[in-house]
Amino acid sequence: MTKKKLPVRFTGQHFTIDKVLIKDAIKQANINNQDTVLDIGAGKGFLTVHLLRNVQKVIAIENDADLTQNLRKKFANAQNVQVIGCDFKNFRVPKYPFRVVSNIPYGITSEIFKNLMFENVENFMGGSIVLQSEPAQKLFSNKIYNPLTVLYHTFYDLNFLYEISPKSFLPPPTVDSALLKIERKQTIAFGFELKTKYLVFISYMLQKPDLPVRTALKSIFRKKQVRSISGKFGIDLNSKIVCLSPSQWNSCFLEMLEVVPEKFHPS
């Protein structure tokens, strides 16, 4: 690539050119030849060309018109590659099981995560994602301020695999990058039809993140129920509400469904 043709990505995407990284990302995604896989921000197809050898179908999504045209030419004879030219925020995600192996545009990381692990949790089975290191690390903080982060950990096993050298990208990013593995949990305590109700519950409880757990729980539960929750789930009532672990959030939600009348649920 000549210097004048180096990609300029306003969404913050940097093309993955490291074949070792690409192969490891595919390996970590646990894909097979029956899978449909999304490559979000496919760019010049460095990742797509490796994916098509391993899966039933690759959907390569690219917002840049010139790159989309190049992708269509490059994969014109590949029967299992579908190139979609659009912003991922406007993309209609498949209504059947799919995985994602992608070096995502860094600028829309939060939108992509919400789309996959909340809006389309019913069909997103997992995968591996190259992203900026900072938002990846926030997923594993001991204090959770974002309700969606709790929800992601409820439905998925997330694994921060390792940081990635800037030399693995073109152009090299000025921020640190990382490889994140996502896998749908085999056992989930409640159905996906309750995902919105669960998110409302967490959001309601986190309105005042500095509140002690005791005070926050009392906004929904009775005093006796709060004491019972503490004993059953090992919750320190004097700690801040943001210190609850995803599993404790899960337990509190299920307890609300069991002991609190519907009319007193957050809405």
C-alpha atoms as a PDB file:
ATOM      1  CA  MET A   1       0.000   0.000   0.000  1.00  0.00           C
ATOM      2  CA  THR A   2       1.349   3.382  -0.916  1.00  0.00           C
ATOM      3  CA  LYS A   3       1.505   6.050   1.753  1.00  0.00           C
ATOM      4  CA  LYS A   4      -1.241   8.127   0.155  1.00  0.00           C
ATOM      5  CA  LYS A   5      -3.582   5.143   0.277  1.00  0.00           C
ATOM      6  CA  LEU A   6      -3.167   4.393   3.965  1.00  0.00           C
ATOM      7  CA  PRO A   7      -6.651   3.970   5.448  1.00  0.00           C
ATOM      8  CA  VAL A   8      -8.191   6.863   7.323  1.00  0.00           C
ATOM      9  CA  ARG A   9     -10.939   5.483   9.556  1.00  0.00           C
ATOM     10  CA  PHE A  10     -13.019   8.073  11.367  1.00  0.00           C
ATOM     11  CA  THR A  11     -14.625   5.291  13.409  1.00  0.00           C
ATOM     12  CA  GLY A  12     -11.227   4.400  14.860  1.00  0.00           C
ATOM     13  CA  GLN A  13     -10.621   1.172  12.986  1.00  0.00           C
ATOM     14  CA  HIS A  14      -7.141  -0.108  12.248  1.00  0.00           C
ATOM     15  CA  PHE A  15      -6.693  -3.060   9.889  1.00  0.00           C
ATOM     16  CA  THR A  16      -5.364  -6.307  11.335  1.00  0.00           C
ATOM     17  CA  ILE A  17      -2.369  -7.457   9.271  1.00  0.00           C
ATOM     18  CA  ASP A  18      -0.810  -9.915  11.758  1.00  0.00           C
ATOM     19  CA  LYS A  19      -1.497 -13.441  10.476  1.00  0.00           C
ATOM     20  CA  VAL A  20      -0.598 -14.985  13.837  1.00  0.00           C
ATOM     21  CA  LEU A  21      -3.174 -12.786  15.570  1.00  0.00           C
ATOM     22  CA  ILE A  22      -5.779 -13.524  12.906  1.00  0.00           C
ATOM     23  CA  LYS A  23      -5.324 -17.281  13.232  1.00  0.00           C
ATOM     24  CA  ASP A  24      -5.437 -17.101  17.023  1.00  0.00           C
ATOM     25  CA  ALA A  25      -8.601 -14.983  16.976  1.00  0.00           C
ATOM     26  CA  ILE A  26     -10.252 -17.600  14.749  1.00  0.00           C
ATOM     27  CA  LYS A  27      -9.053 -20.425  16.995  1.00  0.00           C
ATOM     28  CA  GLN A  28     -10.298 -18.714  20.170  1.00  0.00           C
ATOM     29  CA  ALA A  29     -13.747 -18.140  18.624  1.00  0.00           C
ATOM     30  CA  ASN A  30     -14.566 -21.886  18.624  1.00  0.00           C
ATOM     31  CA  ILE A  31     -16.096 -21.710  15.147  1.00  0.00           C
ATOM     32  CA  ASN A  32     -16.877 -24.643  12.864  1.00  0.00           C
ATOM     33  CA  ASN A  33     -17.874 -25.236   9.251  1.00  0.00           C
ATOM     34  CA  GLN A  34     -21.572 -24.925  10.114  1.00  0.00           C
ATOM     35  CA  ASP A  35     -21.320 -21.417  11.574  1.00  0.00           C
ATOM     36  CA  THR A  36     -22.329 -18.038  10.246  1.00  0.00           C
ATOM     37  CA  VAL A  37     -19.729 -15.473  11.319  1.00  0.00           C
ATOM     38  CA  LEU A  38     -19.863 -11.672  11.208  1.00  0.00           C
ATOM     39  CA  ASP A  39     -16.711  -9.727  10.357  1.00  0.00           C
ATOM     40  CA  ILE A  40     -17.602  -6.224  11.572  1.00  0.00           C
ATOM     41  CA  GLY A  41     -15.482  -3.559   9.900  1.00  0.00           C
ATOM     42  CA  ALA A  42     -14.031  -5.973   7.353  1.00  0.00           C
ATOM     43  CA  GLY A  43     -11.756  -3.331   5.809  1.00  0.00           C
ATOM     44  CA  LYS A  44      -9.580  -4.933   3.119  1.00  0.00           C
ATOM     45  CA  GLY A  45     -10.622  -8.451   4.063  1.00  0.00           C
ATOM     46  CA  PHE A  46      -7.422  -9.547   5.845  1.00  0.00           C
ATOM     47  CA  LEU A  47      -9.537 -11.423   8.405  1.00  0.00           C
ATOM     48  CA  THR A  48     -12.364 -12.365   6.024  1.00  0.00           C
ATOM     49  CA  VAL A  49     -10.057 -14.308   3.720  1.00  0.00           C
ATOM     50  CA  HIS A  50      -9.027 -16.575   6.604  1.00  0.00           C
ATOM     51  CA  LEU A  51     -12.555 -16.939   7.976  1.00  0.00           C
ATOM     52  CA  LEU A  52     -14.105 -18.175   4.728  1.00  0.00           C
ATOM     53  CA  ARG A  53     -11.972 -21.326   4.910  1.00  0.00           C
ATOM     54  CA  ASN A  54     -13.393 -22.286   8.295  1.00  0.00           C
ATOM     55  CA  VAL A  55     -17.116 -21.477   8.301  1.00  0.00           C
ATOM     56  CA  GLN A  56     -20.288 -21.987   6.333  1.00  0.00           C
ATOM     57  CA  LYS A  57     -20.897 -18.271   5.772  1.00  0.00           C
ATOM     58  CA  VAL A  58     -19.052 -15.012   6.415  1.00  0.00           C
ATOM     59  CA  ILE A  59     -20.961 -11.745   6.485  1.00  0.00           C
ATOM     60  CA  ALA A  60     -18.398  -8.975   5.936  1.00  0.00           C
ATOM     61  CA  ILE A  61     -19.754  -5.591   7.049  1.00  0.00           C
ATOM     62  CA  GLU A  62     -17.961  -2.439   5.924  1.00  0.00           C
ATOM     63  CA  ASN A  63     -19.129   1.180   6.028  1.00  0.00           C
ATOM     64  CA  ASP A  64     -16.504   2.670   3.685  1.00  0.00           C
ATOM     65  CA  ALA A  65     -17.873   2.695   0.107  1.00  0.00           C
ATOM     66  CA  ASP A  66     -14.489   2.211  -1.604  1.00  0.00           C
ATOM     67  CA  LEU A  67     -13.500  -0.631   0.698  1.00  0.00           C
ATOM     68  CA  THR A  68     -16.906  -2.256   0.226  1.00  0.00           C
ATOM     69  CA  GLN A  69     -16.413  -2.188  -3.541  1.00  0.00           C
ATOM     70  CA  ASN A  70     -12.954  -3.715  -3.166  1.00  0.00           C
ATOM     71  CA  LEU A  71     -14.333  -6.450  -0.903  1.00  0.00           C
ATOM     72  CA  ARG A  72     -17.007  -7.345  -3.443  1.00  0.00           C
ATOM     73  CA  LYS A  73     -14.384  -7.672  -6.165  1.00  0.00           C
ATOM     74  CA  LYS A  74     -12.034  -9.645  -3.940  1.00  0.00           C
ATOM     75  CA  PHE A  75     -14.695 -12.174  -2.893  1.00  0.00           C
ATOM     76  CA  ALA A  76     -16.757 -12.223  -6.089  1.00  0.00           C
ATOM     77  CA  ASN A  77     -16.079 -15.943  -6.533  1.00  0.00           C
ATOM     78  CA  ALA A  78     -16.396 -16.901  -2.872  1.00  0.00           C
ATOM     79  CA  GLN A  79     -19.798 -18.552  -2.490  1.00  0.00           C
ATOM     80  CA  ASN A  80     -19.805 -18.314   1.297  1.00  0.00           C
ATOM     81  CA  VAL A  81     -18.975 -14.588   1.650  1.00  0.00           C
ATOM     82  CA  GLN A  82     -21.652 -11.906   1.730  1.00  0.00           C
ATOM     83  CA  VAL A  83     -20.424  -8.304   1.673  1.00  0.00           C
ATOM     84  CA  ILE A  84     -22.712  -5.708   3.259  1.00  0.00           C
ATOM     85  CA  GLY A  85     -21.946  -2.038   2.747  1.00  0.00           C
ATOM     86  CA  CYS A  86     -23.377  -0.160   5.715  1.00  0.00           C
ATOM     87  CA  ASP A  87     -22.729   1.251   9.158  1.00  0.00           C
ATOM     88  CA  PHE A  88     -22.994  -1.642  11.621  1.00  0.00           C
ATOM     89  CA  LYS A  89     -25.417   0.468  13.674  1.00  0.00           C
ATOM     90  CA  ASN A  90     -27.856   0.111  10.733  1.00  0.00           C
ATOM     91  CA  PHE A  91     -27.104  -3.548  10.027  1.00  0.00           C
ATOM     92  CA  ARG A  92     -29.871  -6.104  10.521  1.00  0.00           C
ATOM     93  CA  VAL A  93     -28.306  -8.856  12.568  1.00  0.00           C
ATOM     94  CA  PRO A  94     -29.322 -12.426  11.567  1.00  0.00           C
ATOM     95  CA  LYS A  95     -32.331 -13.885  13.367  1.00  0.00           C
ATOM     96  CA  TYR A  96     -30.544 -17.216  13.724  1.00  0.00           C
ATOM     97  CA  PRO A  97     -27.441 -18.296  15.665  1.00  0.00           C
ATOM     98  CA  PHE A  98     -24.218 -16.561  14.640  1.00  0.00           C
ATOM     99  CA  ARG A  99     -20.747 -15.779  15.921  1.00  0.00           C
ATOM    100  CA  VAL A 100     -18.432 -12.795  15.537  1.00  0.00           C
ATOM    101  CA  VAL A 101     -14.729 -12.773  14.725  1.00  0.00           C
ATOM    102  CA  SER A 102     -13.732  -9.194  14.147  1.00  0.00           C
ATOM    103  CA  ASN A 103     -11.324  -6.329  14.558  1.00  0.00           C
ATOM    104  CA  ILE A 104     -14.116  -3.907  15.336  1.00  0.00           C
ATOM    105  CA  PRO A 105     -14.133  -0.142  14.699  1.00  0.00           C
ATOM    106  CA  TYR A 106     -12.946   1.210  18.049  1.00  0.00           C
ATOM    107  CA  GLY A 107     -15.210   4.258  17.871  1.00  0.00           C
ATOM    108  CA  ILE A 108     -18.433   2.226  18.139  1.00  0.00           C
ATOM    109  CA  THR A 109     -17.334  -0.447  20.623  1.00  0.00           C
ATOM    110  CA  SER A 110     -20.148   0.200  23.120  1.00  0.00           C
ATOM    111  CA  GLU A 111     -22.804   0.162  20.370  1.00  0.00           C
ATOM    112  CA  ILE A 112     -21.478  -3.148  19.011  1.00  0.00           C
ATOM    113  CA  PHE A 113     -21.430  -4.773  22.453  1.00  0.00           C
ATOM    114  CA  LYS A 114     -24.980  -3.640  23.215  1.00  0.00           C
ATOM    115  CA  ASN A 115     -26.200  -4.865  19.840  1.00  0.00           C
ATOM    116  CA  LEU A 116     -24.626  -8.296  20.244  1.00  0.00           C
ATOM    117  CA  MET A 117     -24.921  -9.106  23.954  1.00  0.00           C
ATOM    118  CA  PHE A 118     -28.213  -7.371  24.739  1.00  0.00           C
ATOM    119  CA  GLU A 119     -30.352  -6.629  21.691  1.00  0.00           C
ATOM    120  CA  ASN A 120     -29.440  -9.900  19.952  1.00  0.00           C
ATOM    121  CA  VAL A 121     -28.519 -12.074  22.919  1.00  0.00           C
ATOM    122  CA  GLU A 122     -30.978 -14.696  21.673  1.00  0.00           C
ATOM    123  CA  ASN A 123     -28.797 -15.500  18.639  1.00  0.00           C
ATOM    124  CA  PHE A 124     -25.284 -14.231  19.398  1.00  0.00           C
ATOM    125  CA  MET A 125     -23.342 -17.310  20.479  1.00  0.00           C
ATOM    126  CA  GLY A 126     -19.956 -15.684  21.070  1.00  0.00           C
ATOM    127  CA  GLY A 127     -16.653 -15.286  19.277  1.00  0.00           C
ATOM    128  CA  SER A 128     -13.476 -13.237  19.541  1.00  0.00           C
ATOM    129  CA  ILE A 129     -13.087  -9.485  19.166  1.00  0.00           C
ATOM    130  CA  VAL A 130     -10.065  -7.251  18.748  1.00  0.00           C
ATOM    131  CA  LEU A 131     -10.794  -3.921  20.423  1.00  0.00           C
ATOM    132  CA  GLN A 132      -9.245  -1.056  22.327  1.00  0.00           C
ATOM    133  CA  SER A 133      -7.764  -2.317  25.582  1.00  0.00           C
ATOM    134  CA  GLU A 134      -9.368   0.279  27.891  1.00  0.00           C
ATOM    135  CA  PRO A 135     -13.046  -0.652  27.285  1.00  0.00           C
ATOM    136  CA  ALA A 136     -12.070  -4.321  27.421  1.00  0.00           C
ATOM    137  CA  GLN A 137     -10.490  -3.855  30.849  1.00  0.00           C
ATOM    138  CA  LYS A 138     -13.571  -2.003  32.126  1.00  0.00           C
ATOM    139  CA  LEU A 139     -15.553  -5.197  31.629  1.00  0.00           C
ATOM    140  CA  PHE A 140     -13.542  -6.755  34.469  1.00  0.00           C
ATOM    141  CA  SER A 141     -13.538  -3.914  37.000  1.00  0.00           C
ATOM    142  CA  ASN A 142     -14.306  -4.729  40.649  1.00  0.00           C
ATOM    143  CA  LYS A 143     -16.758  -1.829  40.639  1.00  0.00           C
ATOM    144  CA  ILE A 144     -19.448  -1.956  37.962  1.00  0.00           C
ATOM    145  CA  TYR A 145     -21.162   1.322  37.103  1.00  0.00           C
ATOM    146  CA  ASN A 146     -22.588   0.301  33.723  1.00  0.00           C
ATOM    147  CA  PRO A 147     -25.750  -1.843  33.997  1.00  0.00           C
ATOM    148  CA  LEU A 148     -25.030  -3.413  30.611  1.00  0.00           C
ATOM    149  CA  THR A 149     -21.714  -4.782  31.895  1.00  0.00           C
ATOM    150  CA  VAL A 150     -23.608  -6.745  34.553  1.00  0.00           C
ATOM    151  CA  LEU A 151     -25.953  -8.104  31.905  1.00  0.00           C
ATOM    152  CA  TYR A 152     -23.097  -9.148  29.609  1.00  0.00           C
ATOM    153  CA  HIS A 153     -21.510 -11.193  32.413  1.00  0.00           C
ATOM    154  CA  THR A 154     -24.873 -12.763  33.205  1.00  0.00           C
ATOM    155  CA  PHE A 155     -25.313 -14.256  29.747  1.00  0.00           C
ATOM    156  CA  TYR A 156     -21.694 -14.682  28.631  1.00  0.00           C
ATOM    157  CA  ASP A 157     -18.300 -15.838  29.851  1.00  0.00           C
ATOM    158  CA  LEU A 158     -15.866 -13.028  28.977  1.00  0.00           C
ATOM    159  CA  ASN A 159     -12.129 -13.584  28.860  1.00  0.00           C
ATOM    160  CA  PHE A 160      -9.491 -10.872  28.364  1.00  0.00           C
ATOM    161  CA  LEU A 161      -6.880 -12.954  26.537  1.00  0.00           C
ATOM    162  CA  TYR A 162      -3.962 -10.558  25.993  1.00  0.00           C
ATOM    163  CA  GLU A 163      -2.865  -7.146  24.783  1.00  0.00           C
ATOM    164  CA  ILE A 164      -1.819  -6.707  21.150  1.00  0.00           C
ATOM    165  CA  SER A 165       1.167  -4.851  19.738  1.00  0.00           C
ATOM    166  CA  PRO A 166       0.424  -1.780  17.562  1.00  0.00           C
ATOM    167  CA  LYS A 167       2.626  -3.432  14.917  1.00  0.00           C
ATOM    168  CA  SER A 168      -0.211  -5.900  14.289  1.00  0.00           C
ATOM    169  CA  PHE A 169      -2.256  -3.132  12.637  1.00  0.00           C
ATOM    170  CA  LEU A 170      -2.189  -0.807   9.669  1.00  0.00           C
ATOM    171  CA  PRO A 171      -2.036   2.033  10.490  1.00  0.00           C
ATOM    172  CA  PRO A 172      -0.670   1.346  14.020  1.00  0.00           C
ATOM    173  CA  PRO A 173      -3.122   2.656  16.636  1.00  0.00           C
ATOM    174  CA  THR A 174      -2.018   5.177  19.245  1.00  0.00           C
ATOM    175  CA  VAL A 175      -4.015   3.304  21.906  1.00  0.00           C
ATOM    176  CA  ASP A 176      -3.497  -0.166  23.377  1.00  0.00           C
ATOM    177  CA  SER A 177      -5.481  -3.027  21.865  1.00  0.00           C
ATOM    178  CA  ALA A 178      -6.574  -6.416  23.182  1.00  0.00           C
ATOM    179  CA  LEU A 179      -8.168  -9.711  22.202  1.00  0.00           C
ATOM    180  CA  LEU A 180     -11.416 -10.526  23.986  1.00  0.00           C
ATOM    181  CA  LYS A 181     -13.049 -13.959  23.949  1.00  0.00           C
ATOM    182  CA  ILE A 182     -16.830 -14.195  24.402  1.00  0.00           C
ATOM    183  CA  GLU A 183     -18.761 -17.428  24.920  1.00  0.00           C
ATOM    184  CA  ARG A 184     -22.448 -17.914  25.682  1.00  0.00           C
ATOM    185  CA  LYS A 185     -22.925 -19.449  29.135  1.00  0.00           C
ATOM    186  CA  GLN A 186     -24.144 -23.043  29.020  1.00  0.00           C
ATOM    187  CA  THR A 187     -26.431 -22.479  32.012  1.00  0.00           C
ATOM    188  CA  ILE A 188     -28.464 -19.279  32.371  1.00  0.00           C
ATOM    189  CA  ALA A 189     -30.690 -18.721  35.408  1.00  0.00           C
ATOM    190  CA  PHE A 190     -33.585 -17.086  33.546  1.00  0.00           C
ATOM    191  CA  GLY A 191     -34.907 -16.738  30.015  1.00  0.00           C
ATOM    192  CA  PHE A 192     -33.907 -14.094  27.500  1.00  0.00           C
ATOM    193  CA  GLU A 193     -37.474 -12.762  27.556  1.00  0.00           C
ATOM    194  CA  LEU A 194     -36.567 -11.191  30.919  1.00  0.00           C
ATOM    195  CA  LYS A 195     -33.473  -9.365  29.630  1.00  0.00           C
ATOM    196  CA  THR A 196     -35.137  -5.935  29.511  1.00  0.00           C
ATOM    197  CA  LYS A 197     -36.700  -6.363  32.937  1.00  0.00           C
ATOM    198  CA  TYR A 198     -33.299  -7.414  34.283  1.00  0.00           C
ATOM    199  CA  LEU A 199     -31.611  -4.369  32.755  1.00  0.00           C
ATOM    200  CA  VAL A 200     -34.280  -2.069  34.219  1.00  0.00           C
ATOM    201  CA  PHE A 201     -33.710  -3.654  37.638  1.00  0.00           C
ATOM    202  CA  ILE A 202     -29.935  -3.110  37.504  1.00  0.00           C
ATOM    203  CA  SER A 203     -30.296   0.426  36.134  1.00  0.00           C
ATOM    204  CA  TYR A 204     -32.740   1.332  38.889  1.00  0.00           C
ATOM    205  CA  MET A 205     -30.406   0.037  41.584  1.00  0.00           C
ATOM    206  CA  LEU A 206     -27.379   1.843  40.120  1.00  0.00           C
ATOM    207  CA  GLN A 207     -29.031   5.264  39.887  1.00  0.00           C
ATOM    208  CA  LYS A 208     -27.011   6.287  42.946  1.00  0.00           C
ATOM    209  CA  PRO A 209     -23.829   4.201  42.679  1.00  0.00           C
ATOM    210  CA  ASP A 210     -22.388   5.421  45.993  1.00  0.00           C
ATOM    211  CA  LEU A 211     -25.286   4.042  48.035  1.00  0.00           C
ATOM    212  CA  PRO A 212     -24.607   1.126  50.388  1.00  0.00           C
ATOM    213  CA  VAL A 213     -26.091  -2.166  49.231  1.00  0.00           C
ATOM    214  CA  ARG A 214     -28.424  -2.134  52.256  1.00  0.00           C
ATOM    215  CA  THR A 215     -29.979   1.211  51.271  1.00  0.00           C
ATOM    216  CA  ALA A 216     -30.257   0.351  47.584  1.00  0.00           C
ATOM    217  CA  LEU A 217     -31.950  -2.988  48.263  1.00  0.00           C
ATOM    218  CA  LYS A 218     -34.443  -1.374  50.628  1.00  0.00           C
ATOM    219  CA  SER A 219     -35.828   0.607  47.696  1.00  0.00           C
ATOM    220  CA  ILE A 220     -37.327  -2.692  46.473  1.00  0.00           C
ATOM    221  CA  PHE A 221     -37.144  -5.236  49.302  1.00  0.00           C
ATOM    222  CA  ARG A 222     -38.377  -5.203  52.893  1.00  0.00           C
ATOM    223  CA  LYS A 223     -35.859  -5.114  55.761  1.00  0.00           C
ATOM    224  CA  LYS A 224     -36.345  -8.801  56.539  1.00  0.00           C
ATOM    225  CA  GLN A 225     -35.893  -9.702  52.876  1.00  0.00           C
ATOM    226  CA  VAL A 226     -32.704  -7.636  52.686  1.00  0.00           C
ATOM    227  CA  ARG A 227     -31.226  -9.536  55.641  1.00  0.00           C
ATOM    228  CA  SER A 228     -32.220 -12.812  54.015  1.00  0.00           C
ATOM    229  CA  ILE A 229     -30.562 -11.807  50.729  1.00  0.00           C
ATOM    230  CA  SER A 230     -27.353 -10.928  52.557  1.00  0.00           C
ATOM    231  CA  GLY A 231     -27.177 -14.331  54.240  1.00  0.00           C
ATOM    232  CA  LYS A 232     -28.191 -16.394  51.205  1.00  0.00           C
ATOM    233  CA  PHE A 233     -25.850 -14.772  48.694  1.00  0.00           C
ATOM    234  CA  GLY A 234     -22.932 -13.612  50.850  1.00  0.00           C
ATOM    235  CA  ILE A 235     -23.561  -9.927  50.212  1.00  0.00           C
ATOM    236  CA  ASP A 236     -21.917  -7.278  52.396  1.00  0.00           C
ATOM    237  CA  LEU A 237     -24.752  -4.830  53.033  1.00  0.00           C
ATOM    238  CA  ASN A 238     -22.327  -2.070  53.986  1.00  0.00           C
ATOM    239  CA  SER A 239     -20.399  -2.156  50.698  1.00  0.00           C
ATOM    240  CA  LYS A 240     -21.370   0.111  47.811  1.00  0.00           C
ATOM    241  CA  ILE A 241     -23.943  -1.148  45.336  1.00  0.00           C
ATOM    242  CA  VAL A 242     -21.347  -0.972  42.519  1.00  0.00           C
ATOM    243  CA  CYS A 243     -19.346  -3.663  44.326  1.00  0.00           C
ATOM    244  CA  LEU A 244     -21.919  -6.396  43.713  1.00  0.00           C
ATOM    245  CA  SER A 245     -20.614  -9.162  41.464  1.00  0.00           C
ATOM    246  CA  PRO A 246     -22.594 -10.196  38.355  1.00  0.00           C
ATOM    247  CA  SER A 247     -23.638 -13.435  40.079  1.00  0.00           C
ATOM    248  CA  GLN A 248     -24.939 -11.469  43.091  1.00  0.00           C
ATOM    249  CA  TRP A 249     -26.898  -9.153  40.790  1.00  0.00           C
ATOM    250  CA  ASN A 250     -28.364 -12.238  39.171  1.00  0.00           C
ATOM    251  CA  SER A 251     -29.368 -13.673  42.550  1.00  0.00           C
ATOM    252  CA  CYS A 252     -30.962 -10.408  43.721  1.00  0.00           C
ATOM    253  CA  PHE A 253     -33.007 -10.185  40.539  1.00  0.00           C
ATOM    254  CA  LEU A 254     -34.291 -13.740  40.908  1.00  0.00           C
ATOM    255  CA  GLU A 255     -35.125 -13.029  44.549  1.00  0.00           C
ATOM    256  CA  MET A 256     -37.147  -9.990  43.482  1.00  0.00           C
ATOM    257  CA  LEU A 257     -39.112 -12.098  41.015  1.00  0.00           C
ATOM    258  CA  GLU A 258     -39.877 -14.582  43.785  1.00  0.00           C
ATOM    259  CA  VAL A 259     -40.708 -12.422  46.815  1.00  0.00           C
ATOM    260  CA  VAL A 260     -41.635  -8.933  45.572  1.00  0.00           C
ATOM    261  CA  PRO A 261     -45.109  -8.368  44.065  1.00  0.00           C
ATOM    262  CA  GLU A 262     -45.048  -7.348  40.401  1.00  0.00           C
ATOM    263  CA  LYS A 263     -46.498  -3.911  41.101  1.00  0.00           C
ATOM    264  CA  PHE A 264     -43.405  -3.012  43.174  1.00  0.00           C
ATOM    265  CA  HIS A 265     -40.891  -3.999  40.471  1.00  0.00           C
ATOM    266  CA  PRO A 266     -38.877  -1.134  38.890  1.00  0.00           C
ATOM    267  CA  SER A 267     -40.291   0.019  35.574  1.00  0.00           C
END
